[in-house]
Structure formats: structure tokens, C-alpha cells
N, C-alpha and C. Protein backbone atom coordinates (compact mmCIF):
# COMPACT_ATOMS: atom_id res chain seq x y z
N MET A 1 -16.42 -7.77 5.29
CA MET A 1 -15.12 -7.13 5.29
C MET A 1 -14.10 -7.95 4.49
N LYS A 2 -14.52 -9.09 3.92
CA LYS A 2 -13.59 -9.91 3.14
C LYS A 2 -13.41 -9.28 1.77
N LYS A 3 -12.55 -8.28 1.75
CA LYS A 3 -12.32 -7.50 0.54
C LYS A 3 -10.86 -7.08 0.55
N VAL A 4 -10.27 -7.01 -0.65
CA VAL A 4 -8.88 -6.59 -0.80
C VAL A 4 -8.86 -5.26 -1.53
N LEU A 5 -8.10 -4.34 -0.99
CA LEU A 5 -7.91 -3.04 -1.61
C LEU A 5 -6.47 -2.94 -2.10
N GLY A 6 -6.29 -2.73 -3.40
CA GLY A 6 -4.96 -2.59 -3.97
C GLY A 6 -4.66 -1.13 -4.27
N ILE A 7 -3.54 -0.65 -3.76
CA ILE A 7 -3.14 0.74 -3.93
C ILE A 7 -1.89 0.81 -4.80
N GLY A 8 -2.00 1.48 -5.94
CA GLY A 8 -0.86 1.65 -6.84
C GLY A 8 -0.25 3.02 -6.66
N GLY A 9 1.06 3.05 -6.43
CA GLY A 9 1.75 4.31 -6.16
C GLY A 9 2.58 4.84 -7.30
N SER A 10 2.41 4.29 -8.51
CA SER A 10 3.23 4.75 -9.64
C SER A 10 2.54 5.88 -10.39
N PRO A 11 3.28 6.94 -10.72
CA PRO A 11 2.70 7.98 -11.56
C PRO A 11 2.62 7.57 -13.02
N ARG A 12 3.28 6.47 -13.39
CA ARG A 12 3.34 6.03 -14.79
C ARG A 12 2.26 4.99 -15.07
N LYS A 13 1.31 5.35 -15.91
CA LYS A 13 0.20 4.47 -16.24
C LYS A 13 0.66 3.31 -17.11
N GLY A 14 0.20 2.11 -16.77
CA GLY A 14 0.49 0.93 -17.58
C GLY A 14 1.89 0.38 -17.41
N GLY A 15 2.57 0.80 -16.36
CA GLY A 15 3.93 0.33 -16.13
C GLY A 15 3.98 -0.97 -15.33
N ASN A 16 5.17 -1.31 -14.89
CA ASN A 16 5.39 -2.58 -14.19
C ASN A 16 4.62 -2.68 -12.88
N SER A 17 4.53 -1.58 -12.15
CA SER A 17 3.79 -1.59 -10.89
C SER A 17 2.32 -1.87 -11.13
N ASP A 18 1.75 -1.27 -12.18
CA ASP A 18 0.34 -1.51 -12.51
C ASP A 18 0.10 -2.97 -12.86
N ILE A 19 1.00 -3.54 -13.63
CA ILE A 19 0.85 -4.94 -14.05
C ILE A 19 0.92 -5.86 -12.83
N LEU A 20 1.87 -5.60 -11.94
CA LEU A 20 1.98 -6.42 -10.72
C LEU A 20 0.74 -6.30 -9.85
N LEU A 21 0.24 -5.09 -9.69
CA LEU A 21 -0.95 -4.89 -8.86
C LEU A 21 -2.13 -5.66 -9.44
N LYS A 22 -2.31 -5.60 -10.73
CA LYS A 22 -3.42 -6.33 -11.37
C LYS A 22 -3.30 -7.84 -11.13
N ARG A 23 -2.09 -8.37 -11.20
CA ARG A 23 -1.90 -9.81 -10.98
C ARG A 23 -2.13 -10.19 -9.52
N LEU A 24 -1.68 -9.35 -8.60
CA LEU A 24 -1.94 -9.60 -7.18
C LEU A 24 -3.44 -9.64 -6.92
N LEU A 25 -4.17 -8.69 -7.48
CA LEU A 25 -5.61 -8.63 -7.26
C LEU A 25 -6.35 -9.75 -7.99
N LYS A 26 -5.81 -10.18 -9.12
CA LYS A 26 -6.39 -11.32 -9.82
C LYS A 26 -6.34 -12.56 -8.93
N GLY A 27 -5.22 -12.74 -8.25
CA GLY A 27 -5.10 -13.87 -7.33
C GLY A 27 -6.16 -13.83 -6.26
N ALA A 28 -6.43 -12.66 -5.71
CA ALA A 28 -7.46 -12.52 -4.68
C ALA A 28 -8.84 -12.85 -5.26
N ARG A 29 -9.10 -12.36 -6.46
CA ARG A 29 -10.40 -12.63 -7.10
C ARG A 29 -10.56 -14.11 -7.42
N ASP A 30 -9.47 -14.78 -7.73
CA ASP A 30 -9.53 -16.23 -7.99
C ASP A 30 -10.00 -17.00 -6.78
N GLU A 31 -9.85 -16.40 -5.61
CA GLU A 31 -10.34 -17.00 -4.35
C GLU A 31 -11.72 -16.47 -3.99
N SER A 32 -12.39 -15.86 -4.95
CA SER A 32 -13.75 -15.31 -4.78
C SER A 32 -13.82 -14.20 -3.73
N VAL A 33 -12.75 -13.43 -3.64
CA VAL A 33 -12.73 -12.28 -2.74
C VAL A 33 -12.82 -11.02 -3.60
N ALA A 34 -13.67 -10.11 -3.19
CA ALA A 34 -13.78 -8.84 -3.91
C ALA A 34 -12.46 -8.09 -3.82
N ALA A 35 -12.03 -7.52 -4.93
CA ALA A 35 -10.76 -6.80 -4.96
C ALA A 35 -10.94 -5.53 -5.78
N ARG A 36 -10.52 -4.42 -5.20
CA ARG A 36 -10.65 -3.12 -5.87
C ARG A 36 -9.27 -2.51 -6.03
N GLU A 37 -9.02 -1.94 -7.21
CA GLU A 37 -7.76 -1.28 -7.51
C GLU A 37 -7.93 0.23 -7.46
N ILE A 38 -7.03 0.87 -6.74
CA ILE A 38 -6.99 2.33 -6.71
C ILE A 38 -5.60 2.76 -7.14
N GLN A 39 -5.55 3.61 -8.16
CA GLN A 39 -4.29 4.19 -8.60
C GLN A 39 -4.24 5.61 -8.06
N LEU A 40 -3.27 5.87 -7.21
CA LEU A 40 -3.18 7.17 -6.54
C LEU A 40 -3.04 8.32 -7.53
N ARG A 41 -2.46 8.05 -8.68
CA ARG A 41 -2.30 9.11 -9.69
C ARG A 41 -3.64 9.63 -10.20
N ASP A 42 -4.71 8.85 -10.01
CA ASP A 42 -6.04 9.24 -10.47
C ASP A 42 -6.79 10.10 -9.46
N TYR A 43 -6.19 10.35 -8.31
CA TYR A 43 -6.84 11.11 -7.24
C TYR A 43 -6.05 12.39 -6.97
N GLN A 44 -6.76 13.46 -6.76
CA GLN A 44 -6.13 14.71 -6.38
C GLN A 44 -6.13 14.79 -4.85
N PHE A 45 -4.95 14.71 -4.26
CA PHE A 45 -4.86 14.83 -2.81
C PHE A 45 -3.51 15.42 -2.42
N GLN A 46 -3.51 16.06 -1.28
CA GLN A 46 -2.31 16.71 -0.76
C GLN A 46 -1.58 15.80 0.23
N ALA A 47 -0.36 16.15 0.49
CA ALA A 47 0.36 15.52 1.59
C ALA A 47 -0.22 16.02 2.90
N CYS A 48 -0.04 15.25 3.96
CA CYS A 48 -0.51 15.66 5.30
C CYS A 48 0.10 17.01 5.66
N ILE A 49 -0.72 17.90 6.21
CA ILE A 49 -0.24 19.23 6.58
C ILE A 49 0.02 19.35 8.08
N GLY A 50 -0.14 18.25 8.81
CA GLY A 50 0.17 18.26 10.24
C GLY A 50 -0.74 19.14 11.07
N CYS A 51 -1.98 19.32 10.64
CA CYS A 51 -2.90 20.20 11.37
C CYS A 51 -3.35 19.59 12.70
N GLU A 52 -3.23 18.26 12.82
CA GLU A 52 -3.56 17.53 14.05
C GLU A 52 -5.04 17.55 14.40
N ARG A 53 -5.90 17.99 13.50
CA ARG A 53 -7.33 18.00 13.79
C ARG A 53 -7.88 16.58 13.94
N CYS A 54 -7.23 15.62 13.26
CA CYS A 54 -7.70 14.24 13.33
C CYS A 54 -7.49 13.62 14.72
N ARG A 55 -6.59 14.18 15.51
CA ARG A 55 -6.40 13.67 16.87
C ARG A 55 -7.68 13.80 17.68
N LYS A 56 -8.44 14.85 17.45
CA LYS A 56 -9.68 15.09 18.18
C LYS A 56 -10.88 14.47 17.46
N ASP A 57 -10.92 14.65 16.15
CA ASP A 57 -12.10 14.24 15.39
C ASP A 57 -12.07 12.79 14.93
N LYS A 58 -10.92 12.11 15.07
CA LYS A 58 -10.76 10.70 14.69
C LYS A 58 -10.96 10.46 13.20
N ARG A 59 -10.84 11.50 12.42
CA ARG A 59 -10.88 11.40 10.95
C ARG A 59 -10.23 12.65 10.39
N CYS A 60 -9.83 12.57 9.13
CA CYS A 60 -9.17 13.71 8.49
C CYS A 60 -10.22 14.71 8.05
N ILE A 61 -10.21 15.87 8.69
CA ILE A 61 -11.12 16.93 8.26
C ILE A 61 -10.33 18.19 7.86
N GLY A 62 -9.03 18.17 8.05
CA GLY A 62 -8.21 19.32 7.71
C GLY A 62 -8.02 19.51 6.21
N LEU A 63 -8.16 18.42 5.46
CA LEU A 63 -8.03 18.48 4.00
C LEU A 63 -9.21 17.76 3.38
N GLN A 64 -9.95 18.46 2.57
CA GLN A 64 -11.08 17.86 1.85
C GLN A 64 -10.63 17.64 0.41
N ASP A 65 -10.19 16.42 0.12
CA ASP A 65 -9.66 16.12 -1.21
C ASP A 65 -9.93 14.66 -1.54
N GLY A 66 -9.21 14.14 -2.51
CA GLY A 66 -9.45 12.79 -2.98
C GLY A 66 -9.28 11.69 -1.95
N MET A 67 -8.53 11.94 -0.90
CA MET A 67 -8.38 10.93 0.15
C MET A 67 -9.72 10.63 0.83
N GLN A 68 -10.62 11.59 0.83
CA GLN A 68 -11.93 11.35 1.45
C GLN A 68 -12.69 10.24 0.71
N LEU A 69 -12.36 10.00 -0.55
CA LEU A 69 -12.97 8.91 -1.31
C LEU A 69 -12.30 7.57 -1.01
N ILE A 70 -11.05 7.62 -0.57
CA ILE A 70 -10.29 6.39 -0.31
C ILE A 70 -10.48 5.88 1.11
N TYR A 71 -10.67 6.78 2.07
CA TYR A 71 -10.80 6.36 3.48
C TYR A 71 -11.87 5.29 3.69
N PRO A 72 -13.08 5.42 3.14
CA PRO A 72 -14.09 4.37 3.36
C PRO A 72 -13.66 3.02 2.79
N GLU A 73 -12.93 3.05 1.69
CA GLU A 73 -12.43 1.80 1.09
C GLU A 73 -11.45 1.10 2.03
N ILE A 74 -10.61 1.88 2.68
CA ILE A 74 -9.64 1.31 3.63
C ILE A 74 -10.38 0.67 4.80
N ARG A 75 -11.36 1.36 5.33
CA ARG A 75 -12.12 0.82 6.46
C ARG A 75 -12.81 -0.48 6.11
N GLU A 76 -13.34 -0.58 4.88
CA GLU A 76 -14.13 -1.74 4.47
C GLU A 76 -13.30 -2.96 4.11
N ALA A 77 -12.07 -2.78 3.70
CA ALA A 77 -11.25 -3.89 3.21
C ALA A 77 -10.38 -4.47 4.32
N SER A 78 -10.41 -5.78 4.47
CA SER A 78 -9.55 -6.43 5.46
C SER A 78 -8.19 -6.78 4.87
N GLY A 79 -8.08 -6.73 3.55
CA GLY A 79 -6.81 -6.97 2.88
C GLY A 79 -6.31 -5.72 2.20
N LEU A 80 -5.00 -5.51 2.24
CA LEU A 80 -4.40 -4.33 1.64
C LEU A 80 -3.17 -4.75 0.83
N VAL A 81 -3.08 -4.24 -0.39
CA VAL A 81 -1.90 -4.48 -1.23
C VAL A 81 -1.35 -3.12 -1.62
N LEU A 82 -0.08 -2.89 -1.32
CA LEU A 82 0.60 -1.65 -1.70
C LEU A 82 1.68 -1.99 -2.71
N VAL A 83 1.68 -1.27 -3.84
CA VAL A 83 2.69 -1.49 -4.87
C VAL A 83 3.30 -0.15 -5.26
N SER A 84 4.64 -0.09 -5.24
CA SER A 84 5.33 1.15 -5.62
C SER A 84 6.61 0.82 -6.37
N PRO A 85 6.92 1.60 -7.40
CA PRO A 85 8.28 1.53 -7.94
C PRO A 85 9.22 2.27 -6.98
N ILE A 86 10.49 1.99 -7.10
CA ILE A 86 11.48 2.71 -6.30
C ILE A 86 11.87 3.98 -7.04
N TYR A 87 11.71 5.10 -6.34
CA TYR A 87 12.14 6.40 -6.87
C TYR A 87 13.20 6.94 -5.91
N ASN A 88 14.40 7.13 -6.40
CA ASN A 88 15.46 7.73 -5.59
C ASN A 88 15.64 7.01 -4.25
N TYR A 89 15.71 5.68 -4.32
CA TYR A 89 15.98 4.81 -3.17
C TYR A 89 14.82 4.68 -2.18
N ASN A 90 13.61 5.02 -2.61
CA ASN A 90 12.48 4.89 -1.70
C ASN A 90 11.19 4.77 -2.50
N MET A 91 10.06 4.73 -1.80
CA MET A 91 8.77 4.69 -2.47
C MET A 91 8.52 6.02 -3.18
N THR A 92 7.52 6.05 -4.03
CA THR A 92 7.20 7.29 -4.74
C THR A 92 6.59 8.31 -3.78
N ALA A 93 6.63 9.57 -4.18
CA ALA A 93 6.01 10.63 -3.37
C ALA A 93 4.52 10.40 -3.22
N LEU A 94 3.88 9.86 -4.25
CA LEU A 94 2.44 9.54 -4.17
C LEU A 94 2.17 8.55 -3.04
N MET A 95 2.96 7.47 -2.99
CA MET A 95 2.75 6.45 -1.96
C MET A 95 3.07 7.00 -0.57
N LYS A 96 4.12 7.80 -0.47
CA LYS A 96 4.47 8.38 0.83
C LYS A 96 3.38 9.31 1.32
N SER A 97 2.85 10.14 0.44
CA SER A 97 1.77 11.05 0.83
C SER A 97 0.54 10.27 1.27
N PHE A 98 0.23 9.19 0.55
CA PHE A 98 -0.90 8.34 0.91
C PHE A 98 -0.71 7.76 2.31
N ILE A 99 0.46 7.19 2.56
CA ILE A 99 0.73 6.58 3.87
C ILE A 99 0.67 7.64 4.97
N ASP A 100 1.23 8.81 4.72
CA ASP A 100 1.17 9.88 5.72
C ASP A 100 -0.27 10.27 6.03
N ARG A 101 -1.13 10.25 5.05
CA ARG A 101 -2.53 10.63 5.25
C ARG A 101 -3.32 9.58 6.03
N LEU A 102 -2.73 8.40 6.28
CA LEU A 102 -3.38 7.39 7.11
C LEU A 102 -3.20 7.70 8.60
N TYR A 103 -2.50 8.76 8.91
CA TYR A 103 -2.29 9.21 10.29
C TYR A 103 -3.61 9.40 11.03
N CYS A 104 -4.66 9.73 10.29
CA CYS A 104 -5.96 9.97 10.93
C CYS A 104 -6.56 8.72 11.54
N PHE A 105 -6.01 7.55 11.26
CA PHE A 105 -6.52 6.31 11.84
C PHE A 105 -5.91 6.01 13.22
N TYR A 106 -5.01 6.87 13.68
CA TYR A 106 -4.42 6.66 15.00
C TYR A 106 -5.24 7.36 16.08
N ASN A 107 -5.27 6.73 17.24
CA ASN A 107 -5.84 7.34 18.44
C ASN A 107 -4.68 7.73 19.35
N PHE A 108 -4.72 8.94 19.86
CA PHE A 108 -3.65 9.42 20.73
C PHE A 108 -4.20 9.84 22.08
N GLY A 109 -3.37 9.67 23.11
CA GLY A 109 -3.70 10.23 24.40
C GLY A 109 -3.38 11.72 24.41
N ASP A 110 -3.59 12.35 25.56
CA ASP A 110 -3.37 13.79 25.65
C ASP A 110 -1.90 14.18 25.72
N GLU A 111 -1.05 13.28 26.23
CA GLU A 111 0.36 13.60 26.37
C GLU A 111 1.12 13.34 25.07
N ARG A 112 2.13 14.19 24.80
CA ARG A 112 3.01 14.00 23.66
C ARG A 112 4.44 14.03 24.13
N PRO A 113 5.29 13.07 23.84
CA PRO A 113 4.88 11.78 23.28
C PRO A 113 4.13 10.97 24.32
N GLY A 114 3.33 10.05 23.85
CA GLY A 114 2.53 9.25 24.76
C GLY A 114 1.97 8.02 24.08
N GLN A 115 0.97 7.43 24.71
CA GLN A 115 0.35 6.22 24.19
C GLN A 115 -0.44 6.50 22.93
N TRP A 116 -0.50 5.50 22.07
CA TRP A 116 -1.30 5.60 20.86
C TRP A 116 -1.79 4.22 20.46
N SER A 117 -2.81 4.18 19.65
CA SER A 117 -3.33 2.93 19.10
C SER A 117 -3.88 3.22 17.71
N SER A 118 -4.29 2.17 17.02
CA SER A 118 -4.84 2.34 15.68
C SER A 118 -6.30 1.90 15.64
N GLN A 119 -7.11 2.66 14.95
CA GLN A 119 -8.51 2.30 14.77
C GLN A 119 -8.67 1.05 13.90
N LEU A 120 -7.62 0.66 13.19
CA LEU A 120 -7.68 -0.48 12.29
C LEU A 120 -7.10 -1.75 12.91
N ALA A 121 -6.57 -1.65 14.12
CA ALA A 121 -5.89 -2.79 14.76
C ALA A 121 -6.88 -3.82 15.29
N ASN A 122 -6.36 -5.03 15.50
CA ASN A 122 -7.11 -6.14 16.11
C ASN A 122 -8.38 -6.50 15.34
N GLN A 123 -8.28 -6.44 14.02
CA GLN A 123 -9.42 -6.77 13.17
C GLN A 123 -9.05 -7.84 12.14
N GLY A 124 -7.89 -8.47 12.31
CA GLY A 124 -7.47 -9.51 11.38
C GLY A 124 -7.05 -9.00 10.02
N ARG A 125 -6.65 -7.76 9.94
CA ARG A 125 -6.26 -7.18 8.66
C ARG A 125 -4.90 -7.73 8.22
N LYS A 126 -4.77 -7.97 6.91
CA LYS A 126 -3.54 -8.52 6.33
C LYS A 126 -3.10 -7.64 5.17
N ALA A 127 -1.79 -7.65 4.90
CA ALA A 127 -1.26 -6.82 3.82
C ALA A 127 -0.12 -7.50 3.09
N ILE A 128 0.06 -7.08 1.85
CA ILE A 128 1.21 -7.47 1.02
C ILE A 128 1.81 -6.18 0.47
N ILE A 129 3.13 -6.14 0.43
CA ILE A 129 3.85 -4.99 -0.12
C ILE A 129 4.68 -5.47 -1.30
N ALA A 130 4.56 -4.79 -2.42
CA ALA A 130 5.36 -5.12 -3.61
C ALA A 130 6.10 -3.87 -4.08
N VAL A 131 7.36 -4.07 -4.44
CA VAL A 131 8.22 -2.95 -4.84
C VAL A 131 9.01 -3.36 -6.09
N VAL A 132 9.10 -2.44 -7.05
CA VAL A 132 9.83 -2.70 -8.30
C VAL A 132 11.01 -1.74 -8.40
N GLY A 133 12.20 -2.30 -8.65
CA GLY A 133 13.39 -1.47 -8.78
C GLY A 133 14.18 -1.78 -10.04
N GLU A 134 14.79 -0.77 -10.60
CA GLU A 134 15.56 -0.92 -11.84
C GLU A 134 16.89 -1.65 -11.62
N GLN A 135 17.56 -1.37 -10.52
CA GLN A 135 18.89 -1.95 -10.30
C GLN A 135 18.80 -3.45 -10.02
N ALA A 136 19.92 -4.14 -10.23
CA ALA A 136 19.94 -5.59 -10.12
C ALA A 136 20.13 -6.09 -8.69
N THR A 137 20.64 -5.25 -7.80
CA THR A 137 20.84 -5.70 -6.42
C THR A 137 19.96 -4.90 -5.47
N ARG A 138 19.64 -5.51 -4.35
CA ARG A 138 18.79 -4.86 -3.35
C ARG A 138 19.41 -3.56 -2.87
N GLU A 139 20.72 -3.59 -2.62
CA GLU A 139 21.39 -2.40 -2.09
C GLU A 139 21.40 -1.26 -3.11
N ALA A 140 21.75 -1.58 -4.35
CA ALA A 140 21.82 -0.54 -5.38
C ALA A 140 20.45 0.07 -5.65
N ALA A 141 19.42 -0.73 -5.55
CA ALA A 141 18.06 -0.24 -5.82
C ALA A 141 17.46 0.53 -4.65
N GLY A 142 17.95 0.27 -3.45
CA GLY A 142 17.31 0.83 -2.27
C GLY A 142 16.12 0.00 -1.84
N MET A 143 16.13 -1.28 -2.21
CA MET A 143 14.99 -2.16 -1.96
C MET A 143 14.68 -2.32 -0.47
N ASP A 144 15.70 -2.59 0.33
CA ASP A 144 15.44 -2.83 1.76
C ASP A 144 14.88 -1.59 2.45
N LEU A 145 15.43 -0.43 2.11
CA LEU A 145 14.93 0.82 2.69
C LEU A 145 13.48 1.05 2.29
N THR A 146 13.16 0.82 1.02
CA THR A 146 11.81 1.04 0.52
C THR A 146 10.82 0.09 1.20
N LEU A 147 11.17 -1.18 1.27
CA LEU A 147 10.28 -2.15 1.92
C LEU A 147 10.06 -1.80 3.39
N GLU A 148 11.12 -1.42 4.08
CA GLU A 148 10.98 -1.06 5.49
C GLU A 148 10.13 0.19 5.67
N ALA A 149 10.35 1.18 4.80
CA ALA A 149 9.59 2.43 4.90
C ALA A 149 8.10 2.21 4.64
N MET A 150 7.76 1.20 3.87
CA MET A 150 6.34 0.87 3.64
C MET A 150 5.81 -0.07 4.71
N ARG A 151 6.63 -1.02 5.13
CA ARG A 151 6.20 -2.04 6.09
C ARG A 151 5.88 -1.45 7.47
N ARG A 152 6.76 -0.62 7.98
CA ARG A 152 6.59 -0.13 9.35
C ARG A 152 5.27 0.58 9.60
N PRO A 153 4.88 1.54 8.77
CA PRO A 153 3.60 2.21 9.03
C PRO A 153 2.39 1.29 8.84
N VAL A 154 2.49 0.35 7.90
CA VAL A 154 1.38 -0.58 7.68
C VAL A 154 1.20 -1.47 8.92
N LYS A 155 2.30 -1.95 9.47
CA LYS A 155 2.23 -2.75 10.69
C LYS A 155 1.71 -1.92 11.86
N ALA A 156 2.18 -0.68 11.97
CA ALA A 156 1.74 0.19 13.06
C ALA A 156 0.23 0.44 13.00
N LEU A 157 -0.31 0.45 11.78
CA LEU A 157 -1.75 0.65 11.62
C LEU A 157 -2.57 -0.58 12.00
N GLY A 158 -1.90 -1.71 12.19
CA GLY A 158 -2.60 -2.90 12.65
C GLY A 158 -2.71 -4.02 11.64
N TYR A 159 -1.99 -3.90 10.52
CA TYR A 159 -2.00 -4.96 9.53
C TYR A 159 -0.88 -5.95 9.81
N GLU A 160 -1.14 -7.21 9.54
CA GLU A 160 -0.08 -8.21 9.52
C GLU A 160 0.43 -8.27 8.09
N VAL A 161 1.68 -7.94 7.89
CA VAL A 161 2.28 -8.02 6.55
C VAL A 161 2.65 -9.48 6.32
N ILE A 162 1.84 -10.17 5.51
CA ILE A 162 2.02 -11.61 5.34
C ILE A 162 3.12 -11.95 4.35
N ASP A 163 3.44 -11.01 3.46
CA ASP A 163 4.52 -11.27 2.51
C ASP A 163 4.91 -9.98 1.79
N GLU A 164 6.07 -10.04 1.15
CA GLU A 164 6.58 -8.92 0.38
C GLU A 164 7.08 -9.45 -0.95
N LEU A 165 6.93 -8.64 -1.98
CA LEU A 165 7.38 -9.03 -3.32
C LEU A 165 8.38 -8.00 -3.83
N PRO A 166 9.69 -8.24 -3.61
CA PRO A 166 10.71 -7.35 -4.16
C PRO A 166 11.05 -7.79 -5.58
N VAL A 167 10.92 -6.90 -6.54
CA VAL A 167 11.22 -7.20 -7.94
C VAL A 167 12.37 -6.30 -8.37
N LEU A 168 13.46 -6.91 -8.78
CA LEU A 168 14.68 -6.17 -9.13
C LEU A 168 15.02 -6.31 -10.61
N GLY A 169 15.79 -5.33 -11.12
CA GLY A 169 16.34 -5.41 -12.47
C GLY A 169 15.33 -5.19 -13.58
N ILE A 170 14.22 -4.52 -13.28
CA ILE A 170 13.20 -4.26 -14.32
C ILE A 170 12.90 -2.77 -14.33
N PHE A 171 13.00 -2.15 -15.51
CA PHE A 171 12.72 -0.73 -15.62
C PHE A 171 11.75 -0.41 -16.76
N HIS A 172 12.06 -0.83 -17.97
CA HIS A 172 11.27 -0.42 -19.13
C HIS A 172 9.80 -0.75 -18.95
N LYS A 173 8.97 0.17 -19.40
CA LYS A 173 7.52 0.08 -19.22
C LYS A 173 6.99 -1.26 -19.73
N GLY A 174 6.32 -1.99 -18.84
CA GLY A 174 5.71 -3.26 -19.20
C GLY A 174 6.66 -4.44 -19.27
N LYS A 175 7.93 -4.23 -18.98
CA LYS A 175 8.95 -5.28 -19.10
C LYS A 175 8.66 -6.48 -18.20
N VAL A 176 7.96 -6.27 -17.10
CA VAL A 176 7.69 -7.36 -16.17
C VAL A 176 6.86 -8.46 -16.84
N LYS A 177 6.17 -8.14 -17.91
CA LYS A 177 5.39 -9.16 -18.64
C LYS A 177 6.29 -10.25 -19.20
N GLU A 178 7.57 -9.95 -19.36
CA GLU A 178 8.53 -10.92 -19.88
C GLU A 178 9.09 -11.83 -18.78
N TYR A 179 8.58 -11.67 -17.56
CA TYR A 179 9.04 -12.48 -16.42
C TYR A 179 7.85 -13.24 -15.84
N PRO A 180 7.45 -14.34 -16.51
CA PRO A 180 6.26 -15.08 -16.05
C PRO A 180 6.36 -15.57 -14.61
N GLN A 181 7.58 -15.87 -14.16
CA GLN A 181 7.73 -16.35 -12.78
C GLN A 181 7.36 -15.27 -11.77
N VAL A 182 7.66 -14.00 -12.10
CA VAL A 182 7.31 -12.89 -11.21
C VAL A 182 5.80 -12.69 -11.19
N LEU A 183 5.18 -12.78 -12.36
CA LEU A 183 3.72 -12.63 -12.44
C LEU A 183 3.01 -13.76 -11.71
N GLU A 184 3.52 -14.97 -11.85
CA GLU A 184 2.93 -16.11 -11.14
C GLU A 184 3.09 -15.94 -9.63
N GLN A 185 4.23 -15.44 -9.21
CA GLN A 185 4.45 -15.20 -7.78
C GLN A 185 3.47 -14.16 -7.26
N ALA A 186 3.26 -13.10 -8.03
CA ALA A 186 2.31 -12.06 -7.62
C ALA A 186 0.91 -12.65 -7.48
N GLU A 187 0.51 -13.43 -8.46
CA GLU A 187 -0.83 -14.03 -8.41
C GLU A 187 -0.96 -14.98 -7.21
N SER A 188 0.07 -15.76 -6.96
CA SER A 188 0.06 -16.68 -5.81
C SER A 188 -0.05 -15.92 -4.49
N LEU A 189 0.64 -14.77 -4.40
CA LEU A 189 0.55 -13.98 -3.18
C LEU A 189 -0.86 -13.42 -3.00
N GLY A 190 -1.51 -13.03 -4.09
CA GLY A 190 -2.88 -12.57 -4.01
C GLY A 190 -3.82 -13.67 -3.53
N ILE A 191 -3.59 -14.89 -4.00
CA ILE A 191 -4.38 -16.04 -3.55
C ILE A 191 -4.16 -16.27 -2.06
N ARG A 192 -2.90 -16.21 -1.65
CA ARG A 192 -2.58 -16.43 -0.23
C ARG A 192 -3.23 -15.37 0.66
N LEU A 193 -3.15 -14.12 0.22
CA LEU A 193 -3.76 -13.04 0.99
C LEU A 193 -5.25 -13.30 1.16
N ALA A 194 -5.94 -13.61 0.07
CA ALA A 194 -7.38 -13.83 0.13
C ALA A 194 -7.72 -15.01 1.04
N SER A 195 -6.90 -16.07 0.99
CA SER A 195 -7.19 -17.25 1.79
C SER A 195 -7.01 -17.01 3.28
N LEU A 196 -6.23 -15.98 3.64
CA LEU A 196 -5.98 -15.70 5.06
C LEU A 196 -6.97 -14.69 5.65
N LEU A 197 -7.82 -14.12 4.84
CA LEU A 197 -8.77 -13.12 5.34
C LEU A 197 -9.95 -13.79 6.04
């Protein structure tokens, strides 16, 4: 299970989020940990439709789409890296739909509202969240809201979020390559993630 799964939530191929994800995963590989990159834009999948069938079946069977290819990867990897640009003060719709589709990993009791747990909890899973925003300040970019909106569900699923990488003031495609300190930080975080698995 010593494997890192990197999830890219940008619809723009070859942009800053892609570059950061590659550097984060490079850091994990430098520690001899297997690391796989998944770009959500390459998968055809729907947003959760709230059918609630997963409450009984303990897996998503209401939608047969590209997420069925990603679920086994999530189960197998003890490390998770999520990277999203900020769109309209939050994560991208791709990343939000992906996170919503992880609902099938929850176990629920019969009462609503009631007790719940995660099938992924208590397994030593670790995560890193990275977010890229155009604006120069956290408030103007919506950085804190975006990080919180990604962090909360990841923690609820049973991951320990060991670090976050907020990147501000970068917009133009590939511009992050001109910030070696950001790339080095991303790689260092990937190393740290791998060392904690």
C-alpha cells in the first residue's frame, strides 16, 4: 500500500497545476515510492447524483463511468495528493465532482442524521493539498476557502493532511516554472509524504 496517488483537477493541460503535481510526485518517487498521476480531465465521469445506493452496497453502483477506474487506485494508495487551480474562489468543478464521488467510501447507520465512518480510516493514510491562485493575496484569491473545502472531506475520509501548498500570484500557463522555490517546495513535500507512509 506504499503508493502515492496524485489527482489533478485542472481542465487546462500543461498548466501550473500539472507542473506542481508532477514535482510533488517526483519527490515521492525520489523516496522509492510508487506514484501515479491521474488527471481528472482525462476521465469521463458525472457528479454524484445522490442516489444513495452506495449506502447499502458500500460502493458506487449508481453511475458506471470513469470513476470506476479511479476507485481501485484510491483503495491501493496510502498517499494522496490533490492539486487544483482556484476557479471563482474555490476548487474546480472537476475536483469538486471527484470529491463528491468519494461519498461511496462512507459507512452509514440506518438513522439520518446519524453515525458514520469511512472505509479508508485508520489505515495510516496521508495527504497533501496544493492550490494555485492568480491573485496575490489569500483573501483575494479565495485561497483559505479553497483549502478548507478540499481539506475537510479528505480528513473526514480518514486521511491525515500532513501539509498544504498554497501558491499565489501565478496565472499564465507554465509560469510556475519561473519560481524554483515553489517547485523545490513541492518536491520536498512529496519526499515528506513518501517518508511518512
